[in-house]
Protein backbone atom coordinates (compact mmCIF):
# COMPACT_ATOMS: atom_id res chain seq x y z
CA UNK A 1 -2.52 42.78 -3.39
CA UNK A 2 -2.07 43.94 0.18
CA UNK A 3 -5.03 45.10 2.25
CA UNK A 4 -5.30 48.74 3.32
CA UNK A 5 -4.58 47.72 6.93
CA UNK A 6 -1.47 45.81 5.84
CA UNK A 7 -0.31 48.84 3.82
CA UNK A 8 -0.80 51.05 6.89
CA UNK A 9 1.17 48.62 9.10
CA UNK A 10 3.94 48.57 6.48
CA UNK A 11 4.14 52.37 6.23
CA UNK A 12 4.02 53.08 9.97
CA UNK A 13 6.54 50.36 10.84
CA UNK A 14 8.84 51.55 8.07
CA UNK A 15 8.82 55.15 9.30
CA UNK A 16 9.12 54.47 13.03
CA UNK A 17 12.10 52.18 12.59
CA UNK A 18 13.71 54.59 10.14
CA UNK A 19 13.31 57.54 12.54
CA UNK A 20 14.95 55.57 15.31
CA UNK A 21 17.98 55.08 13.08
CA UNK A 22 18.10 58.27 10.98
CA UNK A 23 17.67 60.99 13.63
CA UNK A 24 20.70 60.13 15.77
CA UNK A 25 22.81 59.31 12.72
CA UNK A 26 21.79 62.55 10.98
CA UNK A 27 22.57 64.66 14.05
CA UNK A 28 26.06 63.17 14.26
CA UNK A 29 26.83 63.27 10.53
CA UNK A 30 25.52 66.78 9.87
CA UNK A 31 26.61 68.32 13.20
CA UNK A 32 23.13 69.62 13.94
CA UNK A 33 21.12 69.43 17.17
CA UNK A 34 19.09 66.26 17.59
CA UNK A 35 15.99 68.45 18.01
CA UNK A 36 16.42 70.05 14.57
CA UNK A 37 17.06 66.72 12.89
CA UNK A 38 14.17 65.28 14.89
CA UNK A 39 11.74 67.93 13.59
CA UNK A 40 12.96 67.39 10.04
CA UNK A 41 12.69 63.66 10.65
CA UNK A 42 9.11 63.77 11.95
CA UNK A 43 7.90 66.07 9.15
CA UNK A 44 9.78 63.96 6.63
CA UNK A 45 8.37 60.75 8.08
CA UNK A 46 4.83 62.13 7.92
CA UNK A 47 5.22 63.18 4.28
CA UNK A 48 7.04 59.94 3.50
CA UNK A 49 4.27 57.86 5.09
CA UNK A 50 1.65 59.55 2.93
CA UNK A 51 3.91 59.21 -0.13
CA UNK A 52 4.56 55.57 0.77
CA UNK A 53 0.85 54.73 0.89
CA UNK A 54 0.12 56.48 -2.41
CA UNK A 55 3.26 55.35 -4.23
CA UNK A 56 3.06 51.68 -3.26
CA UNK A 57 -0.62 51.46 -4.17
CA UNK A 58 0.02 53.03 -7.58
CA UNK A 59 3.14 50.91 -8.16
CA UNK A 60 1.24 47.70 -7.36
CA UNK A 61 -1.72 48.72 -9.52
CA UNK A 62 0.60 49.33 -12.46
CA UNK A 63 2.39 46.02 -11.85
CA UNK A 64 -0.87 44.11 -11.68
CA UNK A 65 -2.15 45.87 -14.83
CA UNK A 66 1.08 45.35 -16.80
CA UNK A 67 2.21 41.95 -15.48
CA UNK A 68 -0.82 40.39 -13.80
CA UNK A 69 1.03 40.11 -10.48
CA UNK A 70 2.55 42.32 -7.79
CA UNK A 71 5.56 40.01 -7.32
CA UNK A 72 8.84 41.93 -7.50
CA UNK A 73 12.21 40.65 -8.66
CA UNK A 74 15.41 42.08 -7.21
CA UNK A 75 15.77 44.38 -10.22
CA UNK A 76 12.20 45.59 -9.89
CA UNK A 77 12.77 46.23 -6.17
CA UNK A 78 15.76 48.42 -7.05
CA UNK A 79 13.63 50.40 -9.53
CA UNK A 80 10.84 50.62 -6.95
CA UNK A 81 13.19 52.03 -4.28
CA UNK A 82 14.92 54.52 -6.61
CA UNK A 83 11.62 55.92 -7.93
CA UNK A 84 10.22 56.18 -4.42
CA UNK A 85 13.25 58.13 -3.21
CA UNK A 86 13.27 60.45 -6.24
CA UNK A 87 9.66 61.43 -5.57
CA UNK A 88 10.32 61.91 -1.88
CA UNK A 89 13.38 64.05 -2.61
CA UNK A 90 11.23 66.43 -4.65
CA UNK A 91 8.72 66.67 -1.79
CA UNK A 92 11.23 67.22 1.04
CA UNK A 93 13.91 69.51 -0.42
CA UNK A 94 12.03 72.83 -0.04
CA UNK A 95 11.01 72.07 3.56
CA UNK A 96 14.52 71.08 4.64
CA UNK A 97 16.07 74.22 3.12
CA UNK A 98 13.50 76.46 4.80
CA UNK A 99 13.46 74.85 8.26
CA UNK A 100 17.22 74.43 8.63
CA UNK A 101 18.04 77.75 6.99
CA UNK A 102 20.09 76.09 4.28
CA UNK A 103 20.58 76.97 0.66
CA UNK A 104 18.88 74.62 -1.78
CA UNK A 105 22.29 73.16 -2.64
CA UNK A 106 23.11 72.51 1.04
CA UNK A 107 19.67 71.01 1.57
CA UNK A 108 20.14 68.87 -1.53
CA UNK A 109 23.43 67.50 -0.21
CA UNK A 110 21.79 66.72 3.15
CA UNK A 111 18.72 65.24 1.49
CA UNK A 112 20.90 63.09 -0.78
CA UNK A 113 22.63 61.76 2.34
CA UNK A 114 19.28 60.85 3.85
CA UNK A 115 18.12 59.46 0.50
CA UNK A 116 21.18 57.19 0.32
CA UNK A 117 20.38 55.90 3.81
CA UNK A 118 16.70 55.40 2.96
CA UNK A 119 17.48 53.75 -0.38
CA UNK A 120 19.41 50.97 1.33
CA UNK A 121 17.00 50.89 4.25
CA UNK A 122 13.90 50.70 1.98
CA UNK A 123 15.35 47.80 0.04
CA UNK A 124 16.24 45.84 3.18
CA UNK A 125 13.01 46.71 5.00
CA UNK A 126 10.76 45.74 2.09
CA UNK A 127 12.53 42.44 1.54
CA UNK A 128 12.18 41.65 5.26
CA UNK A 129 8.56 42.82 5.38
CA UNK A 130 7.56 40.67 2.41
CA UNK A 131 9.27 37.69 4.05
CA UNK A 132 7.56 38.29 7.41
CA UNK A 133 4.17 39.25 5.92
CA UNK A 134 3.82 37.55 2.52
CA UNK A 135 1.15 38.74 0.12
CA UNK A 136 -1.83 36.37 0.32
CA UNK A 137 -2.28 34.22 -2.76
CA UNK A 138 -5.57 34.64 -4.64
CA UNK A 139 -8.19 31.95 -3.99
């Protein structure tokens, strides 16, 4: 399993890189000021970072308990990313609707757009992260 420091590096790197991509893209796609998307992005990144730390720890604990390893196949990575995004969607939807003055349906459409971006991004980022920082093998 990954160390707490490695999990923190993973989460912070994930969110900082994502913000650098998602804020300008979101402002252009949704025709909103960069500031508004930036605030939503920072709050979302903060919640997502906390969710990331909790979710990945729990996911790995369940994998180790059920399979004896935290190794993930491509199919398991897809499941991992989809479940992560579904949980994050439930956390972020009320905030986005309130802050941007949107209806829940409008916020859902916007959040689904961000979720689609993050779904692809999470898959690519996690594959790259595991390649750059492989999980240490047990002694």
